[in-house]
Amino acid sequence: MIIRPANTPDHDAMWRIFQAVVATGTSYSFAPETRRENGLAYFIGPQIASWVAETEGRVVGMYKLIPNRPDLGSHVTNASFMVDPTCAGRGVGQALGLHSLREARRTGFQAMQFNFVVSTNTAAVNLWKKLGFAIAGTLPRAFQHRELGLVDAYVMHRFLDDIEV
């Protein structure tokens, strides 16, 4: 697996992954009918650093890093990840997660925070815990899960001082 900066030729593959993930209604708050330009703008644009994971010439996942807050909160990064659902369980998320931690540390961030991890997305919650994140808070019934109705979302956080670059 190669993880590299995203570029314009990746947009079609990124959009395909975005659509597939959002269509499940289980992990992202975007509506299934989100327009391509809005979906891509979430991952690509000014002040957004984006990477893709590629296996055998095919983009299978992506992530972005942005400052979680401006100015006095900009030492904490926020990251978002999507993995092609057909590649679930193959280590793509973990590889992207590890890469993002190193990249965040390399670029000077001191911590990483996820503002909205759906509590029922146990694969993501378990992965982030495995990578050193802790649940810093619970947002009660903050997500409208397609099958389960209103479920909690977590704020997850970890410092980056133990990450080697």
C-alpha atoms as a PDB file:
ATOM      1  CA  MET A   1       0.000   0.000   0.000  1.00  0.00           C
ATOM      2  CA  ILE A   2       1.245   3.456  -0.917  1.00  0.00           C
ATOM      3  CA  ILE A   3       0.037   6.538   0.948  1.00  0.00           C
ATOM      4  CA  ARG A   4       0.684   9.726  -0.961  1.00  0.00           C
ATOM      5  CA  PRO A   5      -0.665  13.265  -1.252  1.00  0.00           C
ATOM      6  CA  ALA A   6      -3.967  13.442  -3.111  1.00  0.00           C
ATOM      7  CA  ASN A   7      -3.992  15.122  -6.493  1.00  0.00           C
ATOM      8  CA  THR A   8      -6.498  16.074  -9.181  1.00  0.00           C
ATOM      9  CA  PRO A   9      -6.491  12.691 -10.991  1.00  0.00           C
ATOM     10  CA  ASP A  10      -7.624  11.115  -7.669  1.00  0.00           C
ATOM     11  CA  HIS A  11     -10.855  13.100  -7.495  1.00  0.00           C
ATOM     12  CA  ASP A  12     -13.038  10.510  -9.264  1.00  0.00           C
ATOM     13  CA  ALA A  13     -11.839   7.734  -6.950  1.00  0.00           C
ATOM     14  CA  MET A  14     -12.218   9.966  -3.889  1.00  0.00           C
ATOM     15  CA  TRP A  15     -15.751  10.834  -4.927  1.00  0.00           C
ATOM     16  CA  ARG A  16     -16.574   7.149  -5.424  1.00  0.00           C
ATOM     17  CA  ILE A  17     -15.381   6.376  -1.891  1.00  0.00           C
ATOM     18  CA  PHE A  18     -17.181   9.404  -0.450  1.00  0.00           C
ATOM     19  CA  GLN A  19     -20.456   8.316  -2.060  1.00  0.00           C
ATOM     20  CA  ALA A  20     -20.115   4.711  -0.886  1.00  0.00           C
ATOM     21  CA  VAL A  21     -19.362   5.708   2.717  1.00  0.00           C
ATOM     22  CA  VAL A  22     -22.052   8.377   2.935  1.00  0.00           C
ATOM     23  CA  ALA A  23     -24.670   6.081   1.365  1.00  0.00           C
ATOM     24  CA  THR A  24     -24.529   3.760   4.384  1.00  0.00           C
ATOM     25  CA  GLY A  25     -25.883   6.443   6.713  1.00  0.00           C
ATOM     26  CA  THR A  26     -23.875   4.949   9.579  1.00  0.00           C
ATOM     27  CA  SER A  27     -20.734   7.043  10.064  1.00  0.00           C
ATOM     28  CA  TYR A  28     -20.829  10.483   8.420  1.00  0.00           C
ATOM     29  CA  SER A  29     -23.405  13.219   8.774  1.00  0.00           C
ATOM     30  CA  PHE A  30     -23.448  14.036   5.059  1.00  0.00           C
ATOM     31  CA  ALA A  31     -26.734  13.352   3.254  1.00  0.00           C
ATOM     32  CA  PRO A  32     -26.624  10.640   0.576  1.00  0.00           C
ATOM     33  CA  GLU A  33     -27.541  13.268  -2.019  1.00  0.00           C
ATOM     34  CA  THR A  34     -24.488  15.438  -1.211  1.00  0.00           C
ATOM     35  CA  ARG A  35     -23.217  16.973  -4.428  1.00  0.00           C
ATOM     36  CA  ARG A  36     -19.826  16.006  -5.819  1.00  0.00           C
ATOM     37  CA  GLU A  37     -18.349  19.492  -5.418  1.00  0.00           C
ATOM     38  CA  ASN A  38     -19.383  19.589  -1.745  1.00  0.00           C
ATOM     39  CA  GLY A  39     -18.072  16.122  -1.027  1.00  0.00           C
ATOM     40  CA  LEU A  40     -14.739  16.804  -2.664  1.00  0.00           C
ATOM     41  CA  ALA A  41     -14.474  20.233  -0.997  1.00  0.00           C
ATOM     42  CA  TYR A  42     -14.566  18.443   2.358  1.00  0.00           C
ATOM     43  CA  PHE A  43     -11.327  16.635   1.462  1.00  0.00           C
ATOM     44  CA  ILE A  44      -9.657  18.941  -1.089  1.00  0.00           C
ATOM     45  CA  GLY A  45      -9.057  22.661  -0.936  1.00  0.00           C
ATOM     46  CA  PRO A  46      -7.123  25.548   0.544  1.00  0.00           C
ATOM     47  CA  GLN A  47      -5.786  24.872   4.032  1.00  0.00           C
ATOM     48  CA  ILE A  48      -6.578  21.122   3.688  1.00  0.00           C
ATOM     49  CA  ALA A  49      -3.762  18.578   3.501  1.00  0.00           C
ATOM     50  CA  SER A  50      -5.097  15.357   1.940  1.00  0.00           C
ATOM     51  CA  TRP A  51      -3.643  11.911   1.283  1.00  0.00           C
ATOM     52  CA  VAL A  52      -4.851   8.788  -0.451  1.00  0.00           C
ATOM     53  CA  ALA A  53      -4.022   5.130   0.081  1.00  0.00           C
ATOM     54  CA  GLU A  54      -3.402   3.244  -3.131  1.00  0.00           C
ATOM     55  CA  THR A  55      -3.163  -0.486  -3.661  1.00  0.00           C
ATOM     56  CA  GLU A  56      -2.373  -1.987  -7.061  1.00  0.00           C
ATOM     57  CA  GLY A  57      -3.027   1.370  -8.722  1.00  0.00           C
ATOM     58  CA  ARG A  58      -6.438   1.796  -7.078  1.00  0.00           C
ATOM     59  CA  VAL A  59      -7.308   4.449  -4.483  1.00  0.00           C
ATOM     60  CA  VAL A  60      -8.830   2.588  -1.515  1.00  0.00           C
ATOM     61  CA  GLY A  61      -8.924   5.254   1.184  1.00  0.00           C
ATOM     62  CA  MET A  62      -8.211   8.845   2.061  1.00  0.00           C
ATOM     63  CA  TYR A  63      -7.725  11.247   4.904  1.00  0.00           C
ATOM     64  CA  LYS A  64      -7.305  14.934   5.529  1.00  0.00           C
ATOM     65  CA  LEU A  65      -5.635  17.055   8.193  1.00  0.00           C
ATOM     66  CA  ILE A  66      -6.744  20.555   9.154  1.00  0.00           C
ATOM     67  CA  PRO A  67      -6.273  22.681  12.246  1.00  0.00           C
ATOM     68  CA  ASN A  68      -9.111  21.810  14.613  1.00  0.00           C
ATOM     69  CA  ARG A  69      -9.615  25.491  15.473  1.00  0.00           C
ATOM     70  CA  PRO A  70      -8.054  28.696  14.136  1.00  0.00           C
ATOM     71  CA  ASP A  71      -5.325  30.735  15.781  1.00  0.00           C
ATOM     72  CA  LEU A  72      -4.949  29.823  19.465  1.00  0.00           C
ATOM     73  CA  GLY A  73      -6.365  26.332  18.872  1.00  0.00           C
ATOM     74  CA  SER A  74      -4.379  25.610  15.730  1.00  0.00           C
ATOM     75  CA  HIS A  75      -1.793  23.428  17.496  1.00  0.00           C
ATOM     76  CA  VAL A  76      -4.438  20.651  17.564  1.00  0.00           C
ATOM     77  CA  THR A  77      -5.256  18.976  14.274  1.00  0.00           C
ATOM     78  CA  ASN A  78      -8.509  17.448  13.164  1.00  0.00           C
ATOM     79  CA  ALA A  79      -8.546  14.529  10.769  1.00  0.00           C
ATOM     80  CA  SER A  80     -11.218  12.785   8.715  1.00  0.00           C
ATOM     81  CA  PHE A  81     -10.899   9.367   7.117  1.00  0.00           C
ATOM     82  CA  MET A  82     -12.817   7.323   4.564  1.00  0.00           C
ATOM     83  CA  VAL A  83     -12.030   3.806   3.384  1.00  0.00           C
ATOM     84  CA  ASP A  84     -13.655   2.111   0.421  1.00  0.00           C
ATOM     85  CA  PRO A  85     -16.251  -0.190   2.040  1.00  0.00           C
ATOM     86  CA  THR A  86     -15.130  -3.035  -0.245  1.00  0.00           C
ATOM     87  CA  CYS A  87     -11.719  -2.849   1.470  1.00  0.00           C
ATOM     88  CA  ALA A  88     -12.967  -2.930   5.060  1.00  0.00           C
ATOM     89  CA  GLY A  89     -10.912  -5.115   7.378  1.00  0.00           C
ATOM     90  CA  ARG A  90      -7.767  -5.019   5.226  1.00  0.00           C
ATOM     91  CA  GLY A  91      -5.747  -2.581   7.340  1.00  0.00           C
ATOM     92  CA  VAL A  92      -6.344   0.493   5.172  1.00  0.00           C
ATOM     93  CA  GLY A  93      -7.804   2.525   8.048  1.00  0.00           C
ATOM     94  CA  GLN A  94      -4.973   1.592  10.380  1.00  0.00           C
ATOM     95  CA  ALA A  95      -2.339   2.465   7.775  1.00  0.00           C
ATOM     96  CA  LEU A  96      -4.001   5.824   7.144  1.00  0.00           C
ATOM     97  CA  GLY A  97      -4.336   6.447  10.879  1.00  0.00           C
ATOM     98  CA  LEU A  98      -0.655   5.747  11.552  1.00  0.00           C
ATOM     99  CA  HIS A  99       0.383   7.866   8.588  1.00  0.00           C
ATOM    100  CA  SER A 100      -1.794  10.761   9.764  1.00  0.00           C
ATOM    101  CA  LEU A 101      -0.272  10.674  13.253  1.00  0.00           C
ATOM    102  CA  ARG A 102       3.257  10.867  11.843  1.00  0.00           C
ATOM    103  CA  GLU A 103       2.302  13.559   9.336  1.00  0.00           C
ATOM    104  CA  ALA A 104       0.551  15.627  12.002  1.00  0.00           C
ATOM    105  CA  ARG A 105       3.567  15.430  14.283  1.00  0.00           C
ATOM    106  CA  ARG A 106       5.968  16.146  11.405  1.00  0.00           C
ATOM    107  CA  THR A 107       4.065  19.331  10.528  1.00  0.00           C
ATOM    108  CA  GLY A 108       4.117  20.607  14.101  1.00  0.00           C
ATOM    109  CA  PHE A 109       0.752  19.665  15.571  1.00  0.00           C
ATOM    110  CA  GLN A 110       0.804  18.761  19.263  1.00  0.00           C
ATOM    111  CA  ALA A 111      -2.449  16.777  19.417  1.00  0.00           C
ATOM    112  CA  MET A 112      -5.171  15.273  17.234  1.00  0.00           C
ATOM    113  CA  GLN A 113      -8.871  15.514  17.946  1.00  0.00           C
ATOM    114  CA  PHE A 114     -11.852  13.911  16.263  1.00  0.00           C
ATOM    115  CA  ASN A 115     -14.958  15.983  16.873  1.00  0.00           C
ATOM    116  CA  PHE A 116     -17.589  13.460  15.814  1.00  0.00           C
ATOM    117  CA  VAL A 117     -16.985   9.697  15.892  1.00  0.00           C
ATOM    118  CA  VAL A 118     -20.290   7.843  15.747  1.00  0.00           C
ATOM    119  CA  SER A 119     -20.442   5.606  18.820  1.00  0.00           C
ATOM    120  CA  THR A 120     -21.910   2.667  16.914  1.00  0.00           C
ATOM    121  CA  ASN A 121     -19.045   2.743  14.401  1.00  0.00           C
ATOM    122  CA  THR A 122     -17.199   0.223  16.560  1.00  0.00           C
ATOM    123  CA  ALA A 123     -14.494  -0.467  13.969  1.00  0.00           C
ATOM    124  CA  ALA A 124     -13.480   3.201  14.017  1.00  0.00           C
ATOM    125  CA  VAL A 125     -13.809   3.608  17.791  1.00  0.00           C
ATOM    126  CA  ASN A 126     -11.704   0.484  18.395  1.00  0.00           C
ATOM    127  CA  LEU A 127      -9.080   1.535  15.854  1.00  0.00           C
ATOM    128  CA  TRP A 128      -8.699   4.978  17.371  1.00  0.00           C
ATOM    129  CA  LYS A 129      -8.406   3.519  20.870  1.00  0.00           C
ATOM    130  CA  LYS A 130      -5.757   1.093  19.564  1.00  0.00           C
ATOM    131  CA  LEU A 131      -3.863   4.086  18.155  1.00  0.00           C
ATOM    132  CA  GLY A 132      -3.889   5.863  21.516  1.00  0.00           C
ATOM    133  CA  PHE A 133      -7.019   7.985  21.372  1.00  0.00           C
ATOM    134  CA  ALA A 134      -9.308   8.373  24.372  1.00  0.00           C
ATOM    135  CA  ILE A 135     -12.935   9.392  24.445  1.00  0.00           C
ATOM    136  CA  ALA A 136     -12.842  12.960  25.740  1.00  0.00           C
ATOM    137  CA  GLY A 137     -16.591  13.475  25.632  1.00  0.00           C
ATOM    138  CA  THR A 138     -19.908  12.069  24.518  1.00  0.00           C
ATOM    139  CA  LEU A 139     -22.429  14.001  22.449  1.00  0.00           C
ATOM    140  CA  PRO A 140     -25.773  12.418  23.389  1.00  0.00           C
ATOM    141  CA  ARG A 141     -27.988  11.388  20.459  1.00  0.00           C
ATOM    142  CA  ALA A 142     -26.012  13.627  18.102  1.00  0.00           C
ATOM    143  CA  PHE A 143     -26.148  11.370  15.019  1.00  0.00           C
ATOM    144  CA  GLN A 144     -29.179  10.185  13.069  1.00  0.00           C
ATOM    145  CA  HIS A 145     -28.137   6.625  12.248  1.00  0.00           C
ATOM    146  CA  ARG A 146     -29.991   5.237   9.251  1.00  0.00           C
ATOM    147  CA  GLU A 147     -30.962   1.989  11.014  1.00  0.00           C
ATOM    148  CA  LEU A 148     -30.644   2.695  14.754  1.00  0.00           C
ATOM    149  CA  GLY A 149     -32.107   6.185  15.008  1.00  0.00           C
ATOM    150  CA  LEU A 150     -30.440   8.695  17.310  1.00  0.00           C
ATOM    151  CA  VAL A 151     -27.091   7.492  18.657  1.00  0.00           C
ATOM    152  CA  ASP A 152     -24.235   9.143  20.536  1.00  0.00           C
ATOM    153  CA  ALA A 153     -21.108  10.570  18.968  1.00  0.00           C
ATOM    154  CA  TYR A 154     -17.716  10.808  20.648  1.00  0.00           C
ATOM    155  CA  VAL A 155     -15.054  13.464  20.771  1.00  0.00           C
ATOM    156  CA  MET A 156     -11.747  11.582  20.742  1.00  0.00           C
ATOM    157  CA  HIS A 157      -8.316  13.010  21.470  1.00  0.00           C
ATOM    158  CA  ARG A 158      -4.644  12.084  21.753  1.00  0.00           C
ATOM    159  CA  PHE A 159      -1.397  13.961  22.209  1.00  0.00           C
ATOM    160  CA  LEU A 160       1.319  13.466  19.594  1.00  0.00           C
ATOM    161  CA  ASP A 161       4.445  13.813  21.738  1.00  0.00           C
ATOM    162  CA  ASP A 162       5.154  10.063  21.540  1.00  0.00           C
ATOM    163  CA  ILE A 163       4.985   9.936  17.721  1.00  0.00           C
ATOM    164  CA  GLU A 164       8.305   9.496  15.929  1.00  0.00           C
ATOM    165  CA  VAL A 165       8.748  11.309  12.633  1.00  0.00           C
END
